[in-house]
Amino acid sequence: MLFQAGTSPFNQKIQAIVKQACAKAGIDLELKSVVASVFRSSDPGNPDTAVHFYADLQLLNRILRHPDPQAFMREFCSWEVAQKANKWTGPNIVRWRNDEYDQLWRTAEHEMDR
């Protein structure tokens, strides 16, 4: 399995700990460190950005900038998936899709607009 992260001493330490734990479970983990400025960039042509997520595991530090979690939770809607069609600008970089979640989101959004 490939585990990628942006370069930083903190990230590399986490990767090492995860690799060690995986080894104890018999899982071979290859670590990949991408220069942080590249990893965090929005370059649609660079496959090493976090939004492309061409690995099995990825370490991405996120900060919630607002006390209301709505913006963060919207990122998991299927129409927010990062993909070639939207030039990798969608915030759902894990590409998670769930019809029930989408429906619950739309229902909640409709109720809040009242």
PDB file of N, CA and C in Angstrom:
ATOM      1  N   MET A   1       0.835  -1.172   0.000  1.00  0.00           N
ATOM      2  CA  MET A   1       0.000   0.000   0.000  1.00  0.00           C
ATOM      3  C   MET A   1       0.884   1.241   0.000  1.00  0.00           C
ATOM      4  N   LEU A   2       0.417   2.265  -0.667  1.00  0.00           N
ATOM      5  CA  LEU A   2       1.150   3.526  -0.756  1.00  0.00           C
ATOM      6  C   LEU A   2       0.506   4.555   0.174  1.00  0.00           C
ATOM      7  N   PHE A   3       1.316   5.163   1.031  1.00  0.00           N
ATOM      8  CA  PHE A   3       0.872   6.162   2.000  1.00  0.00           C
ATOM      9  C   PHE A   3       1.624   7.454   1.727  1.00  0.00           C
ATOM     10  N   GLN A   4       0.896   8.468   1.263  1.00  0.00           N
ATOM     11  CA  GLN A   4       1.572   9.720   0.898  1.00  0.00           C
ATOM     12  C   GLN A   4       1.185  10.857   1.829  1.00  0.00           C
ATOM     13  N   ALA A   5       2.102  11.840   1.900  1.00  0.00           N
ATOM     14  CA  ALA A   5       1.882  13.031   2.716  1.00  0.00           C
ATOM     15  C   ALA A   5       2.796  14.130   2.207  1.00  0.00           C
ATOM     16  N   GLY A   6       2.443  15.355   2.568  1.00  0.00           N
ATOM     17  CA  GLY A   6       3.327  16.479   2.279  1.00  0.00           C
ATOM     18  C   GLY A   6       4.512  16.431   3.231  1.00  0.00           C
ATOM     19  N   THR A   7       5.651  16.935   2.778  1.00  0.00           N
ATOM     20  CA  THR A   7       6.850  16.869   3.610  1.00  0.00           C
ATOM     21  C   THR A   7       6.758  17.833   4.791  1.00  0.00           C
ATOM     22  N   SER A   8       6.994  17.289   5.954  1.00  0.00           N
ATOM     23  CA  SER A   8       7.163  18.045   7.193  1.00  0.00           C
ATOM     24  C   SER A   8       7.629  17.032   8.232  1.00  0.00           C
ATOM     25  N   PRO A   9       8.417  17.472   9.209  1.00  0.00           N
ATOM     26  CA  PRO A   9       8.857  16.525  10.240  1.00  0.00           C
ATOM     27  C   PRO A   9       7.679  15.849  10.952  1.00  0.00           C
ATOM     28  N   PHE A  10       6.618  16.594  11.200  1.00  0.00           N
ATOM     29  CA  PHE A  10       5.434  16.057  11.865  1.00  0.00           C
ATOM     30  C   PHE A  10       4.796  14.949  11.020  1.00  0.00           C
ATOM     31  N   ASN A  11       4.595  15.219   9.728  1.00  0.00           N
ATOM     32  CA  ASN A  11       3.987  14.221   8.840  1.00  0.00           C
ATOM     33  C   ASN A  11       4.856  12.979   8.703  1.00  0.00           C
ATOM     34  N   GLN A  12       6.162  13.175   8.575  1.00  0.00           N
ATOM     35  CA  GLN A  12       7.045  12.021   8.418  1.00  0.00           C
ATOM     36  C   GLN A  12       7.050  11.156   9.671  1.00  0.00           C
ATOM     37  N   LYS A  13       6.929  11.781  10.836  1.00  0.00           N
ATOM     38  CA  LYS A  13       6.876  11.000  12.080  1.00  0.00           C
ATOM     39  C   LYS A  13       5.579  10.176  12.117  1.00  0.00           C
ATOM     40  N   ILE A  14       4.476  10.793  11.730  1.00  0.00           N
ATOM     41  CA  ILE A  14       3.197  10.064  11.694  1.00  0.00           C
ATOM     42  C   ILE A  14       3.283   8.912  10.700  1.00  0.00           C
ATOM     43  N   GLN A  15       3.849   9.169   9.523  1.00  0.00           N
ATOM     44  CA  GLN A  15       3.981   8.102   8.525  1.00  0.00           C
ATOM     45  C   GLN A  15       4.806   6.938   9.078  1.00  0.00           C
ATOM     46  N   ALA A  16       5.884   7.246   9.775  1.00  0.00           N
ATOM     47  CA  ALA A  16       6.746   6.193  10.328  1.00  0.00           C
ATOM     48  C   ALA A  16       5.984   5.350  11.356  1.00  0.00           C
ATOM     49  N   ILE A  17       5.202   6.011  12.194  1.00  0.00           N
ATOM     50  CA  ILE A  17       4.418   5.296  13.217  1.00  0.00           C
ATOM     51  C   ILE A  17       3.380   4.392  12.548  1.00  0.00           C
ATOM     52  N   VAL A  18       2.692   4.904  11.552  1.00  0.00           N
ATOM     53  CA  VAL A  18       1.680   4.111  10.842  1.00  0.00           C
ATOM     54  C   VAL A  18       2.340   2.938  10.120  1.00  0.00           C
ATOM     55  N   LYS A  19       3.493   3.176   9.496  1.00  0.00           N
ATOM     56  CA  LYS A  19       4.210   2.102   8.797  1.00  0.00           C
ATOM     57  C   LYS A  19       4.595   0.991   9.773  1.00  0.00           C
ATOM     58  N   GLN A  20       5.077   1.378  10.946  1.00  0.00           N
ATOM     59  CA  GLN A  20       5.470   0.402  11.960  1.00  0.00           C
ATOM     60  C   GLN A  20       4.250  -0.411  12.433  1.00  0.00           C
ATOM     61  N   ALA A  21       3.143   0.250  12.660  1.00  0.00           N
ATOM     62  CA  ALA A  21       1.930  -0.444  13.092  1.00  0.00           C
ATOM     63  C   ALA A  21       1.425  -1.390  12.006  1.00  0.00           C
ATOM     64  N   CYS A  22       1.482  -0.943  10.762  1.00  0.00           N
ATOM     65  CA  CYS A  22       1.049  -1.799   9.650  1.00  0.00           C
ATOM     66  C   CYS A  22       1.944  -3.025   9.529  1.00  0.00           C
ATOM     67  N   ALA A  23       3.244  -2.834   9.712  1.00  0.00           N
ATOM     68  CA  ALA A  23       4.185  -3.957   9.624  1.00  0.00           C
ATOM     69  C   ALA A  23       3.852  -5.019  10.669  1.00  0.00           C
ATOM     70  N   LYS A  24       3.466  -4.578  11.861  1.00  0.00           N
ATOM     71  CA  LYS A  24       3.089  -5.531  12.921  1.00  0.00           C
ATOM     72  C   LYS A  24       1.860  -6.341  12.523  1.00  0.00           C
ATOM     73  N   ALA A  25       1.023  -5.748  11.674  1.00  0.00           N
ATOM     74  CA  ALA A  25      -0.185  -6.435  11.210  1.00  0.00           C
ATOM     75  C   ALA A  25       0.063  -7.185   9.901  1.00  0.00           C
ATOM     76  N   GLY A  26       1.323  -7.175   9.431  1.00  0.00           N
ATOM     77  CA  GLY A  26       1.660  -7.890   8.204  1.00  0.00           C
ATOM     78  C   GLY A  26       1.341  -7.117   6.932  1.00  0.00           C
ATOM     79  N   ILE A  27       1.176  -5.808   7.050  1.00  0.00           N
ATOM     80  CA  ILE A  27       0.866  -4.962   5.894  1.00  0.00           C
ATOM     81  C   ILE A  27       2.098  -4.185   5.495  1.00  0.00           C
ATOM     82  N   ASP A  28       2.503  -4.347   4.243  1.00  0.00           N
ATOM     83  CA  ASP A  28       3.662  -3.620   3.726  1.00  0.00           C
ATOM     84  C   ASP A  28       3.214  -2.239   3.260  1.00  0.00           C
ATOM     85  N   LEU A  29       3.800  -1.213   3.825  1.00  0.00           N
ATOM     86  CA  LEU A  29       3.409   0.160   3.518  1.00  0.00           C
ATOM     87  C   LEU A  29       4.598   0.907   2.920  1.00  0.00           C
ATOM     88  N   GLU A  30       4.408   1.435   1.732  1.00  0.00           N
ATOM     89  CA  GLU A  30       5.417   2.265   1.085  1.00  0.00           C
ATOM     90  C   GLU A  30       5.086   3.719   1.396  1.00  0.00           C
ATOM     91  N   LEU A  31       6.088   4.460   1.864  1.00  0.00           N
ATOM     92  CA  LEU A  31       5.884   5.867   2.205  1.00  0.00           C
ATOM     93  C   LEU A  31       6.314   6.755   1.048  1.00  0.00           C
ATOM     94  N   LYS A  32       5.515   7.756   0.791  1.00  0.00           N
ATOM     95  CA  LYS A  32       5.833   8.734  -0.243  1.00  0.00           C
ATOM     96  C   LYS A  32       5.677  10.126   0.363  1.00  0.00           C
ATOM     97  N   SER A  33       6.743  10.921   0.282  1.00  0.00           N
ATOM     98  CA  SER A  33       6.700  12.299   0.757  1.00  0.00           C
ATOM     99  C   SER A  33       6.755  13.216  -0.451  1.00  0.00           C
ATOM    100  N   VAL A  34       5.795  14.120  -0.532  1.00  0.00           N
ATOM    101  CA  VAL A  34       5.715  15.065  -1.636  1.00  0.00           C
ATOM    102  C   VAL A  34       6.011  16.445  -1.066  1.00  0.00           C
ATOM    103  N   VAL A  35       6.836  17.203  -1.760  1.00  0.00           N
ATOM    104  CA  VAL A  35       7.147  18.561  -1.320  1.00  0.00           C
ATOM    105  C   VAL A  35       5.833  19.264  -0.989  1.00  0.00           C
ATOM    106  N   ALA A  36       5.760  19.858   0.195  1.00  0.00           N
ATOM    107  CA  ALA A  36       4.505  20.414   0.699  1.00  0.00           C
ATOM    108  C   ALA A  36       3.855  21.407  -0.254  1.00  0.00           C
ATOM    109  N   SER A  37       4.637  22.247  -0.887  1.00  0.00           N
ATOM    110  CA  SER A  37       4.056  23.239  -1.801  1.00  0.00           C
ATOM    111  C   SER A  37       3.415  22.569  -3.015  1.00  0.00           C
ATOM    112  N   VAL A  38       3.952  21.447  -3.429  1.00  0.00           N
ATOM    113  CA  VAL A  38       3.368  20.684  -4.537  1.00  0.00           C
ATOM    114  C   VAL A  38       2.124  19.946  -4.043  1.00  0.00           C
ATOM    115  N   PHE A  39       2.245  19.282  -2.902  1.00  0.00           N
ATOM    116  CA  PHE A  39       1.156  18.493  -2.339  1.00  0.00           C
ATOM    117  C   PHE A  39      -0.091  19.342  -2.121  1.00  0.00           C
ATOM    118  N   ARG A  40       0.081  20.576  -1.654  1.00  0.00           N
ATOM    119  CA  ARG A  40      -1.036  21.470  -1.359  1.00  0.00           C
ATOM    120  C   ARG A  40      -1.463  22.322  -2.554  1.00  0.00           C
ATOM    121  N   SER A  41      -0.780  22.210  -3.680  1.00  0.00           N
ATOM    122  CA  SER A  41      -1.094  23.076  -4.817  1.00  0.00           C
ATOM    123  C   SER A  41      -2.387  22.648  -5.503  1.00  0.00           C
ATOM    124  N   SER A  42      -2.866  23.526  -6.353  1.00  0.00           N
ATOM    125  CA  SER A  42      -4.101  23.239  -7.090  1.00  0.00           C
ATOM    126  C   SER A  42      -3.816  23.013  -8.567  1.00  0.00           C
ATOM    127  N   ASP A  43      -2.596  22.635  -8.899  1.00  0.00           N
ATOM    128  CA  ASP A  43      -2.202  22.404 -10.281  1.00  0.00           C
ATOM    129  C   ASP A  43      -2.913  21.166 -10.827  1.00  0.00           C
ATOM    130  N   PRO A  44      -3.869  21.344 -11.752  1.00  0.00           N
ATOM    131  CA  PRO A  44      -4.618  20.185 -12.248  1.00  0.00           C
ATOM    132  C   PRO A  44      -3.768  19.198 -13.044  1.00  0.00           C
ATOM    133  N   GLY A  45      -2.606  19.627 -13.502  1.00  0.00           N
ATOM    134  CA  GLY A  45      -1.752  18.744 -14.286  1.00  0.00           C
ATOM    135  C   GLY A  45      -0.732  17.970 -13.470  1.00  0.00           C
ATOM    136  N   ASN A  46      -0.641  18.230 -12.193  1.00  0.00           N
ATOM    137  CA  ASN A  46       0.358  17.571 -11.349  1.00  0.00           C
ATOM    138  C   ASN A  46      -0.297  16.438 -10.564  1.00  0.00           C
ATOM    139  N   PRO A  47       0.070  15.191 -10.842  1.00  0.00           N
ATOM    140  CA  PRO A  47      -0.549  14.051 -10.157  1.00  0.00           C
ATOM    141  C   PRO A  47      -0.145  13.914  -8.686  1.00  0.00           C
ATOM    142  N   ASP A  48       0.823  14.711  -8.216  1.00  0.00           N
ATOM    143  CA  ASP A  48       1.277  14.605  -6.829  1.00  0.00           C
ATOM    144  C   ASP A  48       0.546  15.541  -5.871  1.00  0.00           C
ATOM    145  N   THR A  49      -0.496  16.223  -6.344  1.00  0.00           N
ATOM    146  CA  THR A  49      -1.255  17.075  -5.432  1.00  0.00           C
ATOM    147  C   THR A  49      -2.210  16.219  -4.598  1.00  0.00           C
ATOM    148  N   ALA A  50      -2.580  16.736  -3.442  1.00  0.00           N
ATOM    149  CA  ALA A  50      -3.466  16.002  -2.536  1.00  0.00           C
ATOM    150  C   ALA A  50      -4.814  15.703  -3.180  1.00  0.00           C
ATOM    151  N   VAL A  51      -5.304  16.608  -4.022  1.00  0.00           N
ATOM    152  CA  VAL A  51      -6.630  16.391  -4.603  1.00  0.00           C
ATOM    153  C   VAL A  51      -6.654  15.256  -5.616  1.00  0.00           C
ATOM    154  N   HIS A  52      -5.518  14.927  -6.213  1.00  0.00           N
ATOM    155  CA  HIS A  52      -5.496  13.783  -7.122  1.00  0.00           C
ATOM    156  C   HIS A  52      -5.598  12.468  -6.342  1.00  0.00           C
ATOM    157  N   PHE A  53      -4.985  12.410  -5.181  1.00  0.00           N
ATOM    158  CA  PHE A  53      -5.062  11.262  -4.267  1.00  0.00           C
ATOM    159  C   PHE A  53      -4.827   9.937  -4.989  1.00  0.00           C
ATOM    160  N   TYR A  54      -3.672   9.826  -5.620  1.00  0.00           N
ATOM    161  CA  TYR A  54      -3.297   8.593  -6.309  1.00  0.00           C
ATOM    162  C   TYR A  54      -2.471   7.709  -5.378  1.00  0.00           C
ATOM    163  N   ALA A  55      -3.026   7.390  -4.237  1.00  0.00           N
ATOM    164  CA  ALA A  55      -2.375   6.528  -3.249  1.00  0.00           C
ATOM    165  C   ALA A  55      -3.468   5.758  -2.519  1.00  0.00           C
ATOM    166  N   ASP A  56      -3.046   4.804  -1.710  1.00  0.00           N
ATOM    167  CA  ASP A  56      -4.019   4.047  -0.921  1.00  0.00           C
ATOM    168  C   ASP A  56      -4.412   4.800   0.347  1.00  0.00           C
ATOM    169  N   LEU A  57      -3.447   5.481   0.932  1.00  0.00           N
ATOM    170  CA  LEU A  57      -3.661   6.282   2.138  1.00  0.00           C
ATOM    171  C   LEU A  57      -3.021   7.649   1.932  1.00  0.00           C
ATOM    172  N   GLN A  58      -3.583   8.639   2.603  1.00  0.00           N
ATOM    173  CA  GLN A  58      -3.045   9.991   2.461  1.00  0.00           C
ATOM    174  C   GLN A  58      -3.219  10.729   3.780  1.00  0.00           C
ATOM    175  N   LEU A  59      -2.181  11.445   4.183  1.00  0.00           N
ATOM    176  CA  LEU A  59      -2.235  12.247   5.391  1.00  0.00           C
ATOM    177  C   LEU A  59      -2.419  13.695   4.977  1.00  0.00           C
ATOM    178  N   LEU A  60      -3.528  14.267   5.416  1.00  0.00           N
ATOM    179  CA  LEU A  60      -3.838  15.638   5.045  1.00  0.00           C
ATOM    180  C   LEU A  60      -4.371  16.346   6.281  1.00  0.00           C
ATOM    181  N   ASN A  61      -3.663  17.346   6.726  1.00  0.00           N
ATOM    182  CA  ASN A  61      -4.089  18.109   7.895  1.00  0.00           C
ATOM    183  C   ASN A  61      -5.107  19.154   7.457  1.00  0.00           C
ATOM    184  N   ARG A  62      -6.222  19.199   8.126  1.00  0.00           N
ATOM    185  CA  ARG A  62      -7.291  20.138   7.782  1.00  0.00           C
ATOM    186  C   ARG A  62      -7.628  20.972   9.011  1.00  0.00           C
ATOM    187  N   ILE A  63      -7.950  22.215   8.787  1.00  0.00           N
ATOM    188  CA  ILE A  63      -8.354  23.114   9.864  1.00  0.00           C
ATOM    189  C   ILE A  63      -9.763  23.600   9.578  1.00  0.00           C
ATOM    190  N   LEU A  64     -10.652  23.425  10.533  1.00  0.00           N
ATOM    191  CA  LEU A  64     -11.989  23.987  10.402  1.00  0.00           C
ATOM    192  C   LEU A  64     -11.896  25.465  10.753  1.00  0.00           C
ATOM    193  N   ARG A  65     -12.203  26.305   9.809  1.00  0.00           N
ATOM    194  CA  ARG A  65     -12.071  27.742  10.018  1.00  0.00           C
ATOM    195  C   ARG A  65     -13.330  28.390  10.587  1.00  0.00           C
ATOM    196  N   HIS A  66     -14.421  27.636  10.681  1.00  0.00           N
ATOM    197  CA  HIS A  66     -15.671  28.171  11.185  1.00  0.00           C
ATOM    198  C   HIS A  66     -16.234  27.228  12.243  1.00  0.00           C
ATOM    199  N   PRO A  67     -16.917  27.766  13.242  1.00  0.00           N
ATOM    200  CA  PRO A  67     -17.495  26.881  14.256  1.00  0.00           C
ATOM    201  C   PRO A  67     -18.646  26.025  13.723  1.00  0.00           C
ATOM    202  N   ASP A  68     -19.297  26.467  12.657  1.00  0.00           N
ATOM    203  CA  ASP A  68     -20.377  25.699  12.052  1.00  0.00           C
ATOM    204  C   ASP A  68     -19.761  24.673  11.095  1.00  0.00           C
ATOM    205  N   PRO A  69     -19.997  23.397  11.307  1.00  0.00           N
ATOM    206  CA  PRO A  69     -19.357  22.362  10.480  1.00  0.00           C
ATOM    207  C   PRO A  69     -19.986  22.180   9.094  1.00  0.00           C
ATOM    208  N   GLN A  70     -20.957  22.993   8.724  1.00  0.00           N
ATOM    209  CA  GLN A  70     -21.676  22.796   7.466  1.00  0.00           C
ATOM    210  C   GLN A  70     -20.753  22.769   6.250  1.00  0.00           C
ATOM    211  N   ALA A  71     -19.834  23.727   6.152  1.00  0.00           N
ATOM    212  CA  ALA A  71     -18.939  23.764   4.987  1.00  0.00           C
ATOM    213  C   ALA A  71     -18.077  22.508   4.924  1.00  0.00           C
ATOM    214  N   PHE A  72     -17.594  22.058   6.065  1.00  0.00           N
ATOM    215  CA  PHE A  72     -16.777  20.842   6.104  1.00  0.00           C
ATOM    216  C   PHE A  72     -17.606  19.629   5.688  1.00  0.00           C
ATOM    217  N   MET A  73     -18.814  19.533   6.187  1.00  0.00           N
ATOM    218  CA  MET A  73     -19.655  18.378   5.885  1.00  0.00           C
ATOM    219  C   MET A  73     -20.102  18.361   4.430  1.00  0.00           C
ATOM    220  N   ARG A  74     -20.236  19.526   3.817  1.00  0.00           N
ATOM    221  CA  ARG A  74     -20.626  19.601   2.409  1.00  0.00           C
ATOM    222  C   ARG A  74     -19.561  18.948   1.516  1.00  0.00           C
ATOM    223  N   GLU A  75     -18.326  18.983   1.962  1.00  0.00           N
ATOM    224  CA  GLU A  75     -17.245  18.397   1.169  1.00  0.00           C
ATOM    225  C   GLU A  75     -17.458  16.924   0.872  1.00  0.00           C
ATOM    226  N   PHE A  76     -18.275  16.247   1.647  1.00  0.00           N
ATOM    227  CA  PHE A  76     -18.491  14.818   1.451  1.00  0.00           C
ATOM    228  C   PHE A  76     -19.678  14.503   0.546  1.00  0.00           C
ATOM    229  N   CYS A  77     -20.308  15.521  -0.009  1.00  0.00           N
ATOM    230  CA  CYS A  77     -21.393  15.303  -0.964  1.00  0.00           C
ATOM    231  C   CYS A  77     -20.800  14.821  -2.284  1.00  0.00           C
ATOM    232  N   SER A  78     -21.509  13.937  -2.964  1.00  0.00           N
ATOM    233  CA  SER A  78     -20.954  13.332  -4.182  1.00  0.00           C
ATOM    234  C   SER A  78     -20.717  14.353  -5.286  1.00  0.00           C
ATOM    235  N   TRP A  79     -21.478  15.420  -5.331  1.00  0.00           N
ATOM    236  CA  TRP A  79     -21.279  16.429  -6.385  1.00  0.00           C
ATOM    237  C   TRP A  79     -20.056  17.298  -6.118  1.00  0.00           C
ATOM    238  N   GLU A  80     -19.397  17.105  -4.981  1.00  0.00           N
ATOM    239  CA  GLU A  80     -18.184  17.851  -4.645  1.00  0.00           C
ATOM    240  C   GLU A  80     -16.907  17.042  -4.897  1.00  0.00           C
ATOM    241  N   VAL A  81     -17.021  15.871  -5.521  1.00  0.00           N
ATOM    242  CA  VAL A  81     -15.863  15.001  -5.761  1.00  0.00           C
ATOM    243  C   VAL A  81     -14.846  15.696  -6.657  1.00  0.00           C
ATOM    244  N   ALA A  82     -13.581  15.665  -6.254  1.00  0.00           N
ATOM    245  CA  ALA A  82     -12.493  16.185  -7.083  1.00  0.00           C
ATOM    246  C   ALA A  82     -12.261  15.199  -8.221  1.00  0.00           C
ATOM    247  N   GLN A  83     -12.251  15.715  -9.445  1.00  0.00           N
ATOM    248  CA  GLN A  83     -12.081  14.851 -10.611  1.00  0.00           C
ATOM    249  C   GLN A  83     -11.596  15.675 -11.795  1.00  0.00           C
ATOM    250  N   LYS A  84     -11.175  14.982 -12.818  1.00  0.00           N
ATOM    251  CA  LYS A  84     -10.655  15.636 -14.007  1.00  0.00           C
ATOM    252  C   LYS A  84     -11.678  16.614 -14.599  1.00  0.00           C
ATOM    253  N   ALA A  85     -12.959  16.241 -14.594  1.00  0.00           N
ATOM    254  CA  ALA A  85     -14.012  17.071 -15.190  1.00  0.00           C
ATOM    255  C   ALA A  85     -14.105  18.459 -14.551  1.00  0.00           C
ATOM    256  N   ASN A  86     -13.789  18.570 -13.239  1.00  0.00           N
ATOM    257  CA  ASN A  86     -13.822  19.876 -12.592  1.00  0.00           C
ATOM    258  C   ASN A  86     -12.409  20.406 -12.302  1.00  0.00           C
ATOM    259  N   LYS A  87     -11.459  19.886 -13.072  1.00  0.00           N
ATOM    260  CA  LYS A  87     -10.040  20.282 -12.961  1.00  0.00           C
ATOM    261  C   LYS A  87      -9.506  20.109 -11.545  1.00  0.00           C
ATOM    262  N   TRP A  88      -9.977  19.059 -10.879  1.00  0.00           N
ATOM    263  CA  TRP A  88      -9.528  18.668  -9.548  1.00  0.00           C
ATOM    264  C   TRP A  88      -9.795  19.756  -8.510  1.00  0.00           C
ATOM    265  N   THR A  89     -10.850  20.546  -8.706  1.00  0.00           N
ATOM    266  CA  THR A  89     -11.158  21.614  -7.753  1.00  0.00           C
ATOM    267  C   THR A  89     -12.210  21.224  -6.728  1.00  0.00           C
ATOM    268  N   GLY A  90     -12.842  20.084  -6.877  1.00  0.00           N
ATOM    269  CA  GLY A  90     -13.840  19.663  -5.899  1.00  0.00           C
ATOM    270  C   GLY A  90     -13.199  19.386  -4.549  1.00  0.00           C
ATOM    271  N   PRO A  91     -13.823  19.807  -3.461  1.00  0.00           N
ATOM    272  CA  PRO A  91     -13.228  19.600  -2.142  1.00  0.00           C
ATOM    273  C   PRO A  91     -13.327  18.168  -1.610  1.00  0.00           C
ATOM    274  N   ASN A  92     -14.136  17.303  -2.248  1.00  0.00           N
ATOM    275  CA  ASN A  92     -14.273  15.916  -1.798  1.00  0.00           C
ATOM    276  C   ASN A  92     -13.130  15.101  -2.409  1.00  0.00           C
ATOM    277  N   ILE A  93     -11.938  15.278  -1.828  1.00  0.00           N
ATOM    278  CA  ILE A  93     -10.756  14.632  -2.417  1.00  0.00           C
ATOM    279  C   ILE A  93     -10.665  13.148  -2.094  1.00  0.00           C
ATOM    280  N   VAL A  94     -11.436  12.686  -1.118  1.00  0.00           N
ATOM    281  CA  VAL A  94     -11.443  11.241  -0.844  1.00  0.00           C
ATOM    282  C   VAL A  94     -12.374  10.517  -1.801  1.00  0.00           C
ATOM    283  N   ARG A  95     -13.135  11.292  -2.591  1.00  0.00           N
ATOM    284  CA  ARG A  95     -14.057  10.777  -3.601  1.00  0.00           C
ATOM    285  C   ARG A  95     -15.110   9.836  -3.012  1.00  0.00           C
ATOM    286  N   TRP A  96     -15.519  10.141  -1.778  1.00  0.00           N
ATOM    287  CA  TRP A  96     -16.526   9.340  -1.100  1.00  0.00           C
ATOM    288  C   TRP A  96     -17.892   9.681  -1.660  1.00  0.00           C
ATOM    289  N   ARG A  97     -18.689   8.657  -1.932  1.00  0.00           N
ATOM    290  CA  ARG A  97     -20.038   8.834  -2.456  1.00  0.00           C
ATOM    291  C   ARG A  97     -20.989   7.966  -1.650  1.00  0.00           C
ATOM    292  N   ASN A  98     -22.140   8.573  -1.301  1.00  0.00           N
ATOM    293  CA  ASN A  98     -23.152   7.834  -0.583  1.00  0.00           C
ATOM    294  C   ASN A  98     -24.488   8.514  -0.859  1.00  0.00           C
ATOM    295  N   ASP A  99     -25.378   7.811  -1.525  1.00  0.00           N
ATOM    296  CA  ASP A  99     -26.667   8.386  -1.901  1.00  0.00           C
ATOM    297  C   ASP A  99     -27.483   8.827  -0.688  1.00  0.00           C
ATOM    298  N   GLU A 100     -27.431   8.047   0.378  1.00  0.00           N
ATOM    299  CA  GLU A 100     -28.190   8.400   1.581  1.00  0.00           C
ATOM    300  C   GLU A 100     -27.662   9.703   2.193  1.00  0.00           C
ATOM    301  N   TYR A 101     -26.340   9.843   2.240  1.00  0.00           N
ATOM    302  CA  TYR A 101     -25.739  11.077   2.758  1.00  0.00           C
ATOM    303  C   TYR A 101     -26.163  12.269   1.898  1.00  0.00           C
ATOM    304  N   ASP A 102     -26.099  12.119   0.579  1.00  0.00           N
ATOM    305  CA  ASP A 102     -26.498  13.197  -0.328  1.00  0.00           C
ATOM    306  C   ASP A 102     -27.943  13.618  -0.074  1.00  0.00           C
ATOM    307  N   GLN A 103     -28.818  12.640   0.089  1.00  0.00           N
ATOM    308  CA  GLN A 103     -30.228  12.948   0.330  1.00  0.00           C
ATOM    309  C   GLN A 103     -30.411  13.652   1.672  1.00  0.00           C
ATOM    310  N   LEU A 104     -29.735  13.174   2.694  1.00  0.00           N
ATOM    311  CA  LEU A 104     -29.822  13.821   4.005  1.00  0.00           C
ATOM    312  C   LEU A 104     -29.307  15.256   3.932  1.00  0.00           C
ATOM    313  N   TRP A 105     -28.229  15.459   3.190  1.00  0.00           N
ATOM    314  CA  TRP A 105     -27.681  16.803   3.022  1.00  0.00           C
ATOM    315  C   TRP A 105     -28.711  17.723   2.367  1.00  0.00           C
ATOM    316  N   ARG A 106     -29.300  17.263   1.278  1.00  0.00           N
ATOM    317  CA  ARG A 106     -30.288  18.094   0.559  1.00  0.00           C
ATOM    318  C   ARG A 106     -31.502  18.390   1.441  1.00  0.00           C
ATOM    319  N   THR A 107     -31.940  17.412   2.214  1.00  0.00           N
ATOM    320  CA  THR A 107     -33.071  17.621   3.117  1.00  0.00           C
ATOM    321  C   THR A 107     -32.713  18.665   4.176  1.00  0.00           C
ATOM    322  N   ALA A 108     -31.557  18.519   4.783  1.00  0.00           N
ATOM    323  CA  ALA A 108     -31.124  19.472   5.807  1.00  0.00           C
ATOM    324  C   ALA A 108     -30.945  20.865   5.220  1.00  0.00           C
ATOM    325  N   GLU A 109     -30.381  20.944   4.039  1.00  0.00           N
ATOM    326  CA  GLU A 109     -30.172  22.233   3.382  1.00  0.00           C
ATOM    327  C   GLU A 109     -31.524  22.901   3.105  1.00  0.00           C
ATOM    328  N   HIS A 110     -32.475  22.128   2.651  1.00  0.00           N
ATOM    329  CA  HIS A 110     -33.823  22.654   2.374  1.00  0.00           C
ATOM    330  C   HIS A 110     -34.470  23.165   3.670  1.00  0.00           C
ATOM    331  N   GLU A 111     -34.326  22.402   4.741  1.00  0.00           N
ATOM    332  CA  GLU A 111     -34.916  22.804   6.022  1.00  0.00           C
ATOM    333  C   GLU A 111     -34.265  24.081   6.558  1.00  0.00           C
ATOM    334  N   MET A 112     -32.976  24.239   6.363  1.00  0.00           N
ATOM    335  CA  MET A 112     -32.281  25.425   6.861  1.00  0.00           C
ATOM    336  C   MET A 112     -32.592  26.661   6.029  1.00  0.00           C
ATOM    337  N   ASP A 113     -32.998  26.480   4.780  1.00  0.00           N
ATOM    338  CA  ASP A 113     -33.347  27.609   3.927  1.00  0.00           C
ATOM    339  C   ASP A 113     -34.722  28.187   4.233  1.00  0.00           C
ATOM    340  N   ARG A 114     -35.495  27.493   5.036  1.00  0.00           N
ATOM    341  CA  ARG A 114     -36.856  27.970   5.355  1.00  0.00           C
ATOM    342  C   ARG A 114     -36.837  29.179   6.224  1.00  0.00           C
TER     343      ARG A 114
END
